[in-house]
C-alpha atoms as a PDB file:
ATOM      1  CA  MET A   1     101.874 111.455  93.170  1.00  0.00           C
ATOM      2  CA  PRO A   2     102.234 112.977  96.674  1.00  0.00           C
ATOM      3  CA  VAL A   3     101.577 116.709  96.869  1.00  0.00           C
ATOM      4  CA  ASP A   4     102.435 118.520 100.111  1.00  0.00           C
ATOM      5  CA  VAL A   5     100.915 121.977 100.583  1.00  0.00           C
ATOM      6  CA  GLN A   6     101.612 124.431 103.392  1.00  0.00           C
ATOM      7  CA  CYS A   7     100.032 127.884 103.384  1.00  0.00           C
ATOM      8  CA  ALA A   8     100.572 130.954 105.536  1.00  0.00           C
ATOM      9  CA  GLN A   9      98.334 133.995 105.673  1.00  0.00           C
ATOM     10  CA  ASP A  10      99.769 136.947 103.742  1.00  0.00           C
ATOM     11  CA  GLY A  11      97.675 140.089 104.034  1.00  0.00           C
ATOM     12  CA  ASP A  12      94.179 139.107 102.937  1.00  0.00           C
ATOM     13  CA  GLY A  13      95.470 136.128 100.933  1.00  0.00           C
ATOM     14  CA  TYR A  14      97.930 133.277 101.314  1.00  0.00           C
ATOM     15  CA  ARG A  15     101.422 132.259 100.260  1.00  0.00           C
ATOM     16  CA  CYS A  16     101.701 128.536  99.786  1.00  0.00           C
ATOM     17  CA  SER A  17     104.703 126.249  99.452  1.00  0.00           C
ATOM     18  CA  VAL A  18     104.072 123.112  97.435  1.00  0.00           C
ATOM     19  CA  THR A  19     106.290 120.056  97.047  1.00  0.00           C
ATOM     20  CA  VAL A  20     105.419 117.448  94.426  1.00  0.00           C
ATOM     21  CA  SER A  21     107.260 114.133  94.902  1.00  0.00           C
ATOM     22  CA  GLU A  22     107.578 111.326  92.421  1.00  0.00           C
ATOM     23  CA  GLY A  23     110.066 108.488  92.656  1.00  0.00           C
ATOM     24  CA  SER A  24     113.399 109.946  93.689  1.00  0.00           C
ATOM     25  CA  GLY A  25     112.647 113.453  92.397  1.00  0.00           C
ATOM     26  CA  SER A  26     110.581 116.357  93.604  1.00  0.00           C
ATOM     27  CA  THR A  27     109.738 119.892  92.545  1.00  0.00           C
ATOM     28  CA  ARG A  28     108.991 122.896  94.729  1.00  0.00           C
ATOM     29  CA  HIS A  29     106.544 125.661  93.928  1.00  0.00           C
ATOM     30  CA  ARG A  30     105.316 128.900  95.511  1.00  0.00           C
ATOM     31  CA  VAL A  31     101.700 129.817  94.913  1.00  0.00           C
ATOM     32  CA  ARG A  32      99.959 133.048  95.839  1.00  0.00           C
ATOM     33  CA  VAL A  33      96.246 132.763  96.606  1.00  0.00           C
ATOM     34  CA  THR A  34      94.328 136.032  96.799  1.00  0.00           C
ATOM     35  CA  LYS A  35      91.146 136.745  98.707  1.00  0.00           C
ATOM     36  CA  THR A  36      89.387 136.852  95.322  1.00  0.00           C
ATOM     37  CA  ASP A  37      90.739 133.383  94.470  1.00  0.00           C
ATOM     38  CA  MET A  38      89.373 132.060  97.759  1.00  0.00           C
ATOM     39  CA  GLU A  39      85.964 133.670  97.159  1.00  0.00           C
ATOM     40  CA  ARG A  40      85.844 132.332  93.606  1.00  0.00           C
ATOM     41  CA  TRP A  41      87.160 128.785  93.994  1.00  0.00           C
ATOM     42  CA  ALA A  42      87.498 127.622  97.610  1.00  0.00           C
ATOM     43  CA  ARG A  43      83.845 126.633  98.073  1.00  0.00           C
ATOM     44  CA  GLY A  44      84.365 126.195 101.813  1.00  0.00           C
ATOM     45  CA  ARG A  45      87.781 124.568 101.508  1.00  0.00           C
ATOM     46  CA  SER A  46      90.962 125.789 103.161  1.00  0.00           C
ATOM     47  CA  ALA A  47      93.683 127.448 101.087  1.00  0.00           C
ATOM     48  CA  GLU A  48      95.708 124.224 101.421  1.00  0.00           C
ATOM     49  CA  ALA A  49      92.841 122.118 100.069  1.00  0.00           C
ATOM     50  CA  LEU A  50      92.252 124.544  97.185  1.00  0.00           C
ATOM     51  CA  VAL A  51      95.922 124.544  96.174  1.00  0.00           C
ATOM     52  CA  HIS A  52      96.138 120.751  96.534  1.00  0.00           C
ATOM     53  CA  ALA A  53      93.097 120.297  94.270  1.00  0.00           C
ATOM     54  CA  SER A  54      94.594 122.784  91.816  1.00  0.00           C
ATOM     55  CA  PHE A  55      97.821 120.778  91.644  1.00  0.00           C
ATOM     56  CA  ASP A  56      95.822 117.571  91.123  1.00  0.00           C
ATOM     57  CA  PHE A  57      94.187 119.359  88.174  1.00  0.00           C
ATOM     58  CA  LEU A  58      97.554 120.482  86.781  1.00  0.00           C
ATOM     59  CA  LEU A  59      99.245 117.109  87.223  1.00  0.00           C
ATOM     60  CA  GLN A  60      96.507 115.453  85.157  1.00  0.00           C
ATOM     61  CA  ARG A  61      97.540 117.731  82.292  1.00  0.00           C
ATOM     62  CA  GLU A  62     101.317 118.141  82.529  1.00  0.00           C
ATOM     63  CA  PRO A  63     104.380 116.723  84.286  1.00  0.00           C
ATOM     64  CA  LYS A  64     105.447 118.289  87.578  1.00  0.00           C
ATOM     65  CA  GLU A  65     108.546 119.749  85.902  1.00  0.00           C
ATOM     66  CA  SER A  66     106.334 121.806  83.556  1.00  0.00           C
ATOM     67  CA  ILE A  67     104.442 123.539  86.370  1.00  0.00           C
ATOM     68  CA  LEU A  68     105.680 127.074  86.991  1.00  0.00           C
ATOM     69  CA  ARG A  69     107.915 127.393  90.047  1.00  0.00           C
ATOM     70  CA  GLU A  70     106.156 130.544  91.265  1.00  0.00           C
ATOM     71  CA  PHE A  71     102.739 131.818  90.253  1.00  0.00           C
ATOM     72  CA  ASP A  72      99.411 133.299  91.290  1.00  0.00           C
ATOM     73  CA  LEU A  73      96.659 130.677  91.451  1.00  0.00           C
ATOM     74  CA  SER A  74      94.524 132.635  88.975  1.00  0.00           C
ATOM     75  CA  VAL A  75      97.230 132.165  86.286  1.00  0.00           C
ATOM     76  CA  ILE A  76      96.147 128.540  85.893  1.00  0.00           C
ATOM     77  CA  GLN A  77      92.993 129.666  84.098  1.00  0.00           C
ATOM     78  CA  ARG A  78      95.097 131.545  81.535  1.00  0.00           C
ATOM     79  CA  TYR A  79      96.765 128.270  80.505  1.00  0.00           C
ATOM     80  CA  PHE A  80      93.737 126.036  81.117  1.00  0.00           C
ATOM     81  CA  PRO A  81      90.496 127.970  80.513  1.00  0.00           C
ATOM     82  CA  LYS A  82      88.390 125.121  81.969  1.00  0.00           C
ATOM     83  CA  PHE A  83      90.101 125.435  85.361  1.00  0.00           C
ATOM     84  CA  ASP A  84      87.520 126.038  88.067  1.00  0.00           C
ATOM     85  CA  GLY A  85      89.419 125.659  91.305  1.00  0.00           C
ATOM     86  CA  GLY A  86      90.538 122.081  90.918  1.00  0.00           C
END
């Protein structure tokens, strides 16, 4: 399932726009990535790569329509305790 991620710096973190496409439908999401998120999970990856990996993780566990439309990246761990940055 194609996942398109575009991030822009926002203070010391990032605001990312994500589009998940499947067949004729797509969903759009806004994800906030803090400096702490980057330090904890990026492991040398860009914000885009981190968010993309995080969506791969989510899409293995739920349909795109179930993913929150707007959220902080760290919220994923609240729903999926085994989340470790995708």
